[in-house]
Amino acid sequence: MKPMQLDIEYDYGFTLFGVVSPIKDYKLAWALNRLFNLHLVKQQDLCYDLQEKERLLISNYAHSTEHSIIRLFRNKAFGTQNLKKAFMLPDLKEFDYVLQVTGGMQQYHPQEFINRLIKSSMVQYVKQFDPLTLKFRENLIF
């Protein structure tokens, strides 16, 4: 009997931003809350178990409304000194944080969203990414 293969297509219907910022995650969440009138709240850290018996812990903040979910992730895992790829998204290792917007922010176009972020003194650089172009995009599905 021929083995069956399960093909799963994930929905990557969200907007993804890479953010460069030297500040701590809780301070960036606070700044985003003030800047966009959000309520990003610390969630349980994301945990990825790797084959080398190592574990990636990713800081995670979320804001949910009826129409959208906004998540802020720290890209570099904490508590890992030995790993070469201690990133949630190694494709974006130049970025300190990843901002995932599902359902959109009704009052902001993505470019307007980027412009408001860059005007903040706590953010140095922001870039929008297409999740389908990332090699490790499955790390954003949970």
Protein backbone atom coordinates (compact mmCIF):
# COMPACT_ATOMS: atom_id res chain seq x y z
CA MET A 1 0.00 0.00 0.00
CA LYS A 2 1.36 3.40 -0.98
CA PRO A 3 1.77 5.79 1.96
CA MET A 4 -0.42 8.85 1.89
CA GLN A 5 0.97 12.31 2.22
CA LEU A 6 -0.81 15.10 4.03
CA ASP A 7 -0.52 18.48 2.31
CA ILE A 8 -1.62 21.42 4.42
CA GLU A 9 -2.01 24.92 3.06
CA TYR A 10 -1.73 27.56 5.76
CA ASP A 11 -3.40 30.93 5.53
CA TYR A 12 -0.84 33.72 5.46
CA GLY A 13 -3.50 36.43 5.22
CA PHE A 14 -1.70 38.88 7.48
CA THR A 15 0.58 41.84 7.09
CA LEU A 16 4.09 41.48 8.45
CA PHE A 17 6.49 44.23 9.52
CA GLY A 18 10.09 43.98 10.63
CA VAL A 19 11.03 46.59 13.25
CA VAL A 20 14.50 47.74 14.32
CA SER A 21 14.44 49.19 17.82
CA PRO A 22 17.06 49.11 20.59
CA ILE A 23 14.49 49.24 23.41
CA LYS A 24 13.07 46.40 25.50
CA ASP A 25 9.96 44.58 24.29
CA TYR A 26 7.67 45.84 27.06
CA LYS A 27 8.67 49.43 26.34
CA LEU A 28 8.02 49.00 22.60
CA ALA A 29 4.61 47.47 23.37
CA TRP A 30 3.85 50.46 25.60
CA ALA A 31 4.92 52.87 22.82
CA LEU A 32 2.74 51.07 20.25
CA ASN A 33 -0.19 51.17 22.66
CA ARG A 34 0.14 54.94 22.98
CA LEU A 35 0.88 55.56 19.29
CA PHE A 36 -2.03 53.51 17.86
CA ASN A 37 -4.44 53.41 20.82
CA LEU A 38 -3.92 49.66 21.26
CA HIS A 39 -3.87 47.37 24.26
CA LEU A 40 -0.94 45.04 23.58
CA VAL A 41 -0.74 42.66 26.52
CA LYS A 42 2.07 40.25 27.39
CA GLN A 43 1.11 36.70 26.47
CA GLN A 44 2.78 33.43 27.36
CA ASP A 45 6.18 33.21 25.66
CA LEU A 46 6.23 31.16 22.48
CA CYS A 47 8.35 28.03 22.84
CA TYR A 48 9.98 26.24 19.92
CA ASP A 49 11.74 22.94 20.69
CA LEU A 50 14.64 22.31 18.32
CA GLN A 51 16.28 19.04 17.33
CA GLU A 52 19.50 19.83 19.24
CA LYS A 53 17.52 19.66 22.52
CA GLU A 54 17.55 23.43 22.60
CA ARG A 55 14.53 25.60 23.15
CA LEU A 56 13.71 29.00 21.69
CA LEU A 57 11.66 31.31 23.91
CA ILE A 58 10.09 34.23 22.07
CA SER A 59 8.53 37.20 23.83
CA ASN A 60 4.93 37.66 22.67
CA TYR A 61 2.39 40.51 22.98
CA ALA A 62 -1.12 40.58 21.51
CA HIS A 63 -4.05 42.92 20.99
CA SER A 64 -7.37 41.48 19.79
CA THR A 65 -10.50 43.17 18.57
CA GLU A 66 -13.56 41.90 16.78
CA HIS A 67 -11.94 42.58 13.39
CA SER A 68 -8.19 42.26 13.90
CA ILE A 69 -5.34 40.75 15.86
CA ILE A 70 -2.05 42.55 16.28
CA ARG A 71 0.94 40.64 17.61
CA LEU A 72 4.38 41.87 18.58
CA PHE A 73 7.17 39.29 18.76
CA ARG A 74 10.77 39.71 19.75
CA ASN A 75 12.67 38.17 16.84
CA LYS A 76 15.70 37.02 18.82
CA ALA A 77 15.02 34.35 21.41
CA PHE A 78 16.14 35.01 24.96
CA GLY A 79 18.19 32.69 27.12
CA THR A 80 20.10 31.10 24.22
CA GLN A 81 23.81 31.77 23.93
CA ASN A 82 24.89 28.59 22.10
CA LEU A 83 22.59 28.70 19.08
CA LYS A 84 23.63 30.20 15.76
CA LYS A 85 20.03 30.64 14.63
CA ALA A 86 18.38 31.90 17.80
CA PHE A 87 15.74 33.79 15.82
CA MET A 88 12.03 33.27 15.38
CA LEU A 89 12.48 34.29 11.72
CA PRO A 90 16.14 33.76 10.72
CA ASP A 91 15.26 35.33 7.35
CA LEU A 92 14.81 38.65 9.20
CA LYS A 93 17.71 38.47 11.65
CA GLU A 94 18.52 42.16 11.05
CA PHE A 95 15.21 43.08 12.70
CA ASP A 96 14.72 43.14 16.46
CA TYR A 97 10.94 42.71 16.40
CA VAL A 98 8.23 41.31 14.16
CA LEU A 99 4.81 42.94 14.06
CA GLN A 100 2.00 40.78 12.64
CA VAL A 101 -1.32 42.44 11.75
CA THR A 102 -4.19 40.08 10.92
CA GLY A 103 -7.43 41.62 9.67
CA GLY A 104 -5.86 45.00 9.19
CA MET A 105 -6.05 48.18 11.12
CA GLN A 106 -9.05 49.84 9.55
CA GLN A 107 -7.86 53.39 10.15
CA TYR A 108 -4.33 52.92 8.68
CA HIS A 109 -2.99 51.98 5.27
CA PRO A 110 0.27 49.93 5.61
CA GLN A 111 2.45 52.81 4.39
CA GLU A 112 0.77 55.25 6.77
CA PHE A 113 1.28 52.69 9.54
CA ILE A 114 5.02 52.53 8.70
CA ASN A 115 5.31 56.32 8.59
CA ARG A 116 3.75 56.68 12.06
CA LEU A 117 6.08 54.02 13.47
CA ILE A 118 9.18 55.69 12.05
CA LYS A 119 8.16 59.04 13.54
CA SER A 120 8.37 57.44 16.97
CA SER A 121 11.69 58.08 18.68
CA MET A 122 11.80 54.44 19.81
CA VAL A 123 11.80 52.93 16.32
CA GLN A 124 14.80 53.23 13.99
CA TYR A 125 13.56 51.37 10.92
CA VAL A 126 10.46 49.51 9.70
CA LYS A 127 9.93 47.39 6.61
CA GLN A 128 6.89 45.47 5.37
CA PHE A 129 7.37 41.86 4.23
CA ASP A 130 5.32 39.39 2.27
CA PRO A 131 5.09 36.29 4.50
CA LEU A 132 5.08 34.01 1.44
CA THR A 133 8.65 35.06 0.60
CA LEU A 134 10.04 33.90 3.96
CA LYS A 135 11.68 30.50 4.33
CA PHE A 136 10.65 30.10 7.98
CA ARG A 137 7.10 31.47 7.63
CA GLU A 138 5.67 28.42 9.41
CA ASN A 139 7.03 29.87 12.66
CA LEU A 140 4.23 32.46 12.42
CA ILE A 141 1.47 29.82 12.40
CA PHE A 142 0.18 28.80 15.84
